[in-house]
C-alpha cells in the first residue's frame, strides 16, 4: 500500500528543497519532450512549494510587489491567508485574486 503524500505545509525545509529540485527536473524533462501542459503544472507546483519556504510576515498588506515571471505586472496585497497574498493586479486587476507569496518580488 502506498503511503499518503504529505502536504507542503507538513514538509521540513530540507524536504521542500528536495521536492522543488525534483519538480524542476521533471519540468525540464517535460519541456524537452514538448509536453507544455505538464511543464506548466510542474512549474506551478514548484512555485507553491517555494511559498512554504518563505515567511508570510515578510509580505505587507498595502504594499505593491512585482509579479515574478510577468514583466511589467504589479500586485497590491490586501491581506494574507497562509502563504497566499490576496489582492489586485495594478494594470487590469478589478477582481481580487490570490497569488502564492513566492510569485511576489519586493520593489527596490
N, C-alpha and C. Protein backbone atom coordinates (compact mmCIF):
# COMPACT_ATOMS: atom_id res chain seq x y z
N UNK A 1 0.84 -1.18 0.00
CA UNK A 1 0.00 0.00 0.00
C UNK A 1 0.89 1.25 0.00
N UNK A 2 0.53 2.20 -0.85
CA UNK A 2 1.33 3.42 -0.97
C UNK A 2 1.01 4.38 0.16
N UNK A 3 2.06 4.97 0.74
CA UNK A 3 1.84 5.93 1.82
C UNK A 3 1.29 7.23 1.22
N UNK A 4 0.45 7.89 1.97
CA UNK A 4 -0.15 9.13 1.52
C UNK A 4 0.91 10.24 1.50
N UNK A 5 0.90 11.03 0.42
CA UNK A 5 1.86 12.12 0.33
C UNK A 5 1.55 13.20 1.35
N UNK A 6 2.60 13.82 1.87
CA UNK A 6 2.44 14.92 2.81
C UNK A 6 2.08 16.19 2.04
N UNK A 7 1.39 17.06 2.73
CA UNK A 7 1.13 18.40 2.18
C UNK A 7 2.43 19.21 2.29
N UNK A 8 2.56 20.21 1.45
CA UNK A 8 3.76 21.06 1.51
C UNK A 8 3.89 21.68 2.89
N UNK A 9 2.78 22.02 3.52
CA UNK A 9 2.82 22.66 4.83
C UNK A 9 3.37 21.73 5.92
N UNK A 10 3.40 20.43 5.64
CA UNK A 10 3.89 19.45 6.61
C UNK A 10 5.36 19.08 6.41
N UNK A 11 5.95 19.57 5.31
CA UNK A 11 7.33 19.21 4.99
C UNK A 11 8.32 20.12 5.70
N UNK A 12 9.50 19.56 5.98
CA UNK A 12 10.58 20.36 6.54
C UNK A 12 11.20 21.20 5.43
N UNK A 13 12.03 22.15 5.82
CA UNK A 13 12.72 22.99 4.83
C UNK A 13 13.53 22.12 3.86
N UNK A 14 14.24 21.13 4.40
CA UNK A 14 15.04 20.24 3.56
C UNK A 14 14.14 19.46 2.60
N UNK A 15 13.04 18.93 3.10
CA UNK A 15 12.12 18.16 2.25
C UNK A 15 11.53 19.04 1.15
N UNK A 16 11.22 20.29 1.50
CA UNK A 16 10.70 21.22 0.48
C UNK A 16 11.75 21.49 -0.60
N UNK A 17 13.00 21.69 -0.19
CA UNK A 17 14.07 21.94 -1.16
C UNK A 17 14.25 20.73 -2.08
N UNK A 18 14.16 19.53 -1.52
CA UNK A 18 14.27 18.30 -2.32
C UNK A 18 13.11 18.21 -3.32
N UNK A 19 11.91 18.51 -2.85
CA UNK A 19 10.71 18.47 -3.69
C UNK A 19 10.82 19.48 -4.83
N UNK A 20 11.29 20.69 -4.53
CA UNK A 20 11.45 21.73 -5.56
C UNK A 20 12.45 21.28 -6.62
N UNK A 21 13.57 20.72 -6.18
CA UNK A 21 14.58 20.23 -7.13
C UNK A 21 14.00 19.12 -8.01
N UNK A 22 13.24 18.22 -7.41
CA UNK A 22 12.62 17.12 -8.15
C UNK A 22 11.62 17.65 -9.18
N UNK A 23 10.81 18.63 -8.76
CA UNK A 23 9.82 19.22 -9.67
C UNK A 23 10.49 19.95 -10.83
N UNK A 24 11.58 20.68 -10.55
CA UNK A 24 12.30 21.39 -11.62
C UNK A 24 12.89 20.39 -12.62
N UNK A 25 13.41 19.28 -12.13
CA UNK A 25 13.97 18.26 -13.01
C UNK A 25 12.88 17.63 -13.89
N UNK A 26 11.75 17.31 -13.29
CA UNK A 26 10.63 16.74 -14.06
C UNK A 26 10.13 17.75 -15.09
N UNK A 27 10.07 19.03 -14.69
CA UNK A 27 9.61 20.08 -15.60
C UNK A 27 10.58 20.24 -16.77
N UNK A 28 11.87 20.17 -16.48
CA UNK A 28 12.88 20.28 -17.54
C UNK A 28 12.69 19.16 -18.56
N UNK A 29 12.47 17.94 -18.08
CA UNK A 29 12.26 16.79 -18.97
C UNK A 29 10.97 16.95 -19.77
N UNK A 30 9.92 17.42 -19.12
CA UNK A 30 8.65 17.63 -19.82
C UNK A 30 8.80 18.67 -20.92
N UNK A 31 9.56 19.73 -20.62
CA UNK A 31 9.79 20.78 -21.62
C UNK A 31 10.56 20.23 -22.81
N UNK A 32 11.59 19.42 -22.54
CA UNK A 32 12.39 18.83 -23.61
C UNK A 32 11.54 17.92 -24.50
N UNK A 33 10.55 17.27 -23.90
CA UNK A 33 9.68 16.36 -24.66
C UNK A 33 8.50 17.09 -25.29
N UNK A 34 8.45 18.41 -25.12
CA UNK A 34 7.38 19.20 -25.73
C UNK A 34 6.04 19.08 -25.02
N UNK A 35 6.06 18.63 -23.77
CA UNK A 35 4.83 18.46 -23.01
C UNK A 35 4.54 19.77 -22.25
N UNK A 36 3.98 20.72 -22.98
CA UNK A 36 3.80 22.08 -22.46
C UNK A 36 2.90 22.11 -21.23
N UNK A 37 1.78 21.40 -21.27
CA UNK A 37 0.87 21.41 -20.12
C UNK A 37 1.50 20.79 -18.89
N UNK A 38 2.19 19.68 -19.07
CA UNK A 38 2.86 19.01 -17.96
C UNK A 38 3.93 19.93 -17.36
N UNK A 39 4.68 20.60 -18.23
CA UNK A 39 5.69 21.55 -17.79
C UNK A 39 5.06 22.64 -16.92
N UNK A 40 3.94 23.21 -17.38
CA UNK A 40 3.28 24.29 -16.65
C UNK A 40 2.79 23.82 -15.28
N UNK A 41 2.24 22.63 -15.21
CA UNK A 41 1.75 22.08 -13.94
C UNK A 41 2.91 21.88 -12.96
N UNK A 42 4.01 21.33 -13.43
CA UNK A 42 5.16 21.07 -12.56
C UNK A 42 5.79 22.37 -12.08
N UNK A 43 5.89 23.37 -12.95
CA UNK A 43 6.44 24.66 -12.56
C UNK A 43 5.55 25.32 -11.50
N UNK A 44 4.24 25.19 -11.67
CA UNK A 44 3.29 25.77 -10.71
C UNK A 44 3.43 25.09 -9.34
N UNK A 45 3.62 23.77 -9.36
CA UNK A 45 3.82 23.04 -8.10
C UNK A 45 5.10 23.51 -7.40
N UNK A 46 6.15 23.76 -8.18
CA UNK A 46 7.42 24.24 -7.60
C UNK A 46 7.22 25.62 -6.97
N UNK A 47 6.45 26.48 -7.62
CA UNK A 47 6.15 27.81 -7.08
C UNK A 47 5.42 27.67 -5.75
N UNK A 48 4.47 26.75 -5.70
CA UNK A 48 3.72 26.53 -4.45
C UNK A 48 4.65 26.03 -3.34
N UNK A 49 5.51 25.08 -3.67
CA UNK A 49 6.44 24.55 -2.66
C UNK A 49 7.37 25.65 -2.15
N UNK A 50 7.84 26.52 -3.07
CA UNK A 50 8.72 27.62 -2.67
C UNK A 50 8.03 28.57 -1.69
N UNK A 51 6.72 28.73 -1.84
CA UNK A 51 5.98 29.64 -0.96
C UNK A 51 6.11 29.20 0.50
N UNK A 52 6.20 27.90 0.72
CA UNK A 52 6.30 27.38 2.09
C UNK A 52 7.70 27.57 2.70
N UNK A 53 8.66 27.98 1.88
CA UNK A 53 10.00 28.29 2.39
C UNK A 53 10.10 29.75 2.85
N UNK A 54 9.09 30.54 2.50
CA UNK A 54 9.12 31.97 2.80
C UNK A 54 8.29 32.28 4.05
N UNK A 55 8.57 33.42 4.64
CA UNK A 55 7.83 33.87 5.83
C UNK A 55 6.75 34.86 5.38
N UNK A 56 5.48 34.50 5.55
CA UNK A 56 4.41 35.42 5.16
C UNK A 56 4.50 36.79 5.84
N UNK A 57 5.14 36.85 7.00
CA UNK A 57 5.29 38.12 7.71
C UNK A 57 6.19 39.11 6.97
N UNK A 58 6.94 38.62 5.98
CA UNK A 58 7.80 39.50 5.17
C UNK A 58 7.00 40.24 4.09
N UNK A 59 5.73 39.88 3.92
CA UNK A 59 4.88 40.47 2.89
C UNK A 59 3.83 41.33 3.58
N UNK A 60 3.78 42.62 3.20
CA UNK A 60 2.99 43.59 3.94
C UNK A 60 1.75 44.03 3.16
N UNK A 61 0.57 43.84 3.75
CA UNK A 61 -0.66 44.33 3.12
C UNK A 61 -0.56 45.84 2.84
N UNK A 62 -1.06 46.25 1.68
CA UNK A 62 -1.00 47.65 1.28
C UNK A 62 0.20 47.96 0.42
N UNK A 63 1.21 47.09 0.44
CA UNK A 63 2.40 47.32 -0.39
C UNK A 63 2.22 46.70 -1.77
N UNK A 64 3.03 47.19 -2.70
CA UNK A 64 2.98 46.73 -4.08
C UNK A 64 4.23 45.91 -4.37
N UNK A 65 4.04 44.80 -5.07
CA UNK A 65 5.12 43.87 -5.41
C UNK A 65 5.09 43.60 -6.91
N UNK A 66 6.25 43.30 -7.46
CA UNK A 66 6.35 42.86 -8.85
C UNK A 66 5.97 41.39 -8.89
N UNK A 67 5.30 40.96 -9.98
CA UNK A 67 4.92 39.56 -10.12
C UNK A 67 6.01 38.83 -10.90
N UNK A 68 6.64 37.84 -10.25
CA UNK A 68 7.70 37.03 -10.87
C UNK A 68 7.17 36.35 -12.13
N UNK A 69 7.93 36.45 -13.21
CA UNK A 69 7.55 35.78 -14.45
C UNK A 69 6.52 36.51 -15.28
N UNK A 70 6.15 37.71 -14.87
CA UNK A 70 5.17 38.50 -15.61
C UNK A 70 5.70 39.93 -15.69
N UNK A 71 6.60 40.19 -16.64
CA UNK A 71 7.25 41.51 -16.74
C UNK A 71 6.25 42.66 -16.80
N UNK A 72 6.49 43.67 -16.00
CA UNK A 72 5.63 44.84 -16.00
C UNK A 72 4.35 44.68 -15.20
N UNK A 73 4.16 43.54 -14.56
CA UNK A 73 2.94 43.31 -13.79
C UNK A 73 3.22 43.54 -12.30
N UNK A 74 2.29 44.25 -11.66
CA UNK A 74 2.43 44.57 -10.25
C UNK A 74 1.17 44.15 -9.50
N UNK A 75 1.37 43.86 -8.23
CA UNK A 75 0.29 43.31 -7.40
C UNK A 75 0.27 44.03 -6.06
N UNK A 76 -0.90 44.52 -5.68
CA UNK A 76 -1.06 45.18 -4.38
C UNK A 76 -1.75 44.21 -3.44
N UNK A 77 -1.08 43.92 -2.32
CA UNK A 77 -1.62 42.97 -1.35
C UNK A 77 -2.69 43.64 -0.49
N UNK A 78 -3.86 43.00 -0.39
CA UNK A 78 -4.91 43.44 0.53
C UNK A 78 -4.73 42.74 1.88
N UNK A 79 -4.54 41.43 1.83
CA UNK A 79 -4.34 40.65 3.05
C UNK A 79 -3.68 39.33 2.71
N UNK A 80 -3.19 38.65 3.74
CA UNK A 80 -2.56 37.35 3.55
C UNK A 80 -3.38 36.27 4.24
N UNK A 81 -3.39 35.10 3.64
CA UNK A 81 -4.03 33.93 4.23
C UNK A 81 -3.07 32.77 4.00
N UNK A 82 -2.34 32.40 5.03
CA UNK A 82 -1.31 31.36 4.88
C UNK A 82 -0.20 31.87 3.99
N UNK A 83 0.12 31.10 2.94
CA UNK A 83 1.19 31.50 2.02
C UNK A 83 0.62 32.17 0.76
N UNK A 84 -0.64 32.59 0.84
CA UNK A 84 -1.27 33.28 -0.29
C UNK A 84 -1.48 34.75 0.04
N UNK A 85 -1.14 35.60 -0.94
CA UNK A 85 -1.41 37.03 -0.84
C UNK A 85 -2.66 37.29 -1.67
N UNK A 86 -3.65 37.89 -1.05
CA UNK A 86 -4.88 38.26 -1.75
C UNK A 86 -4.80 39.74 -2.08
N UNK A 87 -5.16 40.08 -3.32
CA UNK A 87 -5.12 41.48 -3.71
C UNK A 87 -5.50 41.64 -5.17
N UNK A 88 -4.95 42.68 -5.78
CA UNK A 88 -5.30 43.03 -7.16
C UNK A 88 -4.06 43.32 -7.98
N UNK A 89 -4.11 42.92 -9.24
CA UNK A 89 -3.07 43.33 -10.20
C UNK A 89 -3.33 44.80 -10.51
N UNK A 90 -2.26 45.57 -10.68
CA UNK A 90 -2.45 47.00 -10.86
C UNK A 90 -2.88 47.41 -12.25
N UNK A 91 -2.50 46.69 -13.28
CA UNK A 91 -2.83 47.17 -14.63
C UNK A 91 -4.27 46.87 -15.02
N UNK A 92 -4.80 45.72 -14.62
CA UNK A 92 -6.17 45.38 -15.02
C UNK A 92 -6.90 44.62 -13.91
N UNK A 93 -6.45 44.80 -12.71
CA UNK A 93 -6.95 43.97 -11.62
C UNK A 93 -8.21 44.45 -10.96
N UNK A 94 -9.33 44.20 -11.59
CA UNK A 94 -10.59 44.54 -10.96
C UNK A 94 -10.99 43.47 -9.95
N UNK A 95 -10.74 42.21 -10.31
CA UNK A 95 -11.13 41.12 -9.43
C UNK A 95 -10.01 40.77 -8.47
N UNK A 96 -10.40 40.52 -7.23
CA UNK A 96 -9.43 40.09 -6.24
C UNK A 96 -8.98 38.67 -6.59
N UNK A 97 -7.69 38.42 -6.41
CA UNK A 97 -7.15 37.09 -6.66
C UNK A 97 -6.08 36.78 -5.63
N UNK A 98 -5.73 35.51 -5.55
CA UNK A 98 -4.69 35.08 -4.62
C UNK A 98 -3.49 34.57 -5.40
N UNK A 99 -2.31 35.00 -4.96
CA UNK A 99 -1.07 34.52 -5.56
C UNK A 99 -0.21 33.93 -4.44
N UNK A 100 0.52 32.84 -4.74
CA UNK A 100 1.48 32.35 -3.74
C UNK A 100 2.53 33.43 -3.50
N UNK A 101 2.94 33.61 -2.25
CA UNK A 101 3.89 34.68 -1.94
C UNK A 101 5.22 34.49 -2.68
N UNK A 102 5.51 33.28 -3.12
CA UNK A 102 6.76 33.04 -3.86
C UNK A 102 6.74 33.70 -5.25
N UNK A 103 5.59 34.16 -5.70
CA UNK A 103 5.49 34.85 -7.00
C UNK A 103 5.71 36.35 -6.86
N UNK A 104 5.81 36.84 -5.63
CA UNK A 104 5.91 38.28 -5.40
C UNK A 104 7.34 38.69 -5.08
N UNK A 105 7.77 39.77 -5.73
CA UNK A 105 9.12 40.29 -5.54
C UNK A 105 9.02 41.71 -5.03
N UNK A 106 9.69 41.97 -3.91
CA UNK A 106 9.66 43.32 -3.30
C UNK A 106 10.29 44.33 -4.25
N UNK A 107 9.68 45.49 -4.34
CA UNK A 107 10.24 46.56 -5.17
C UNK A 107 11.41 47.20 -4.45
N UNK A 108 12.41 47.61 -5.22
CA UNK A 108 13.60 48.22 -4.62
C UNK A 108 13.37 49.67 -4.29
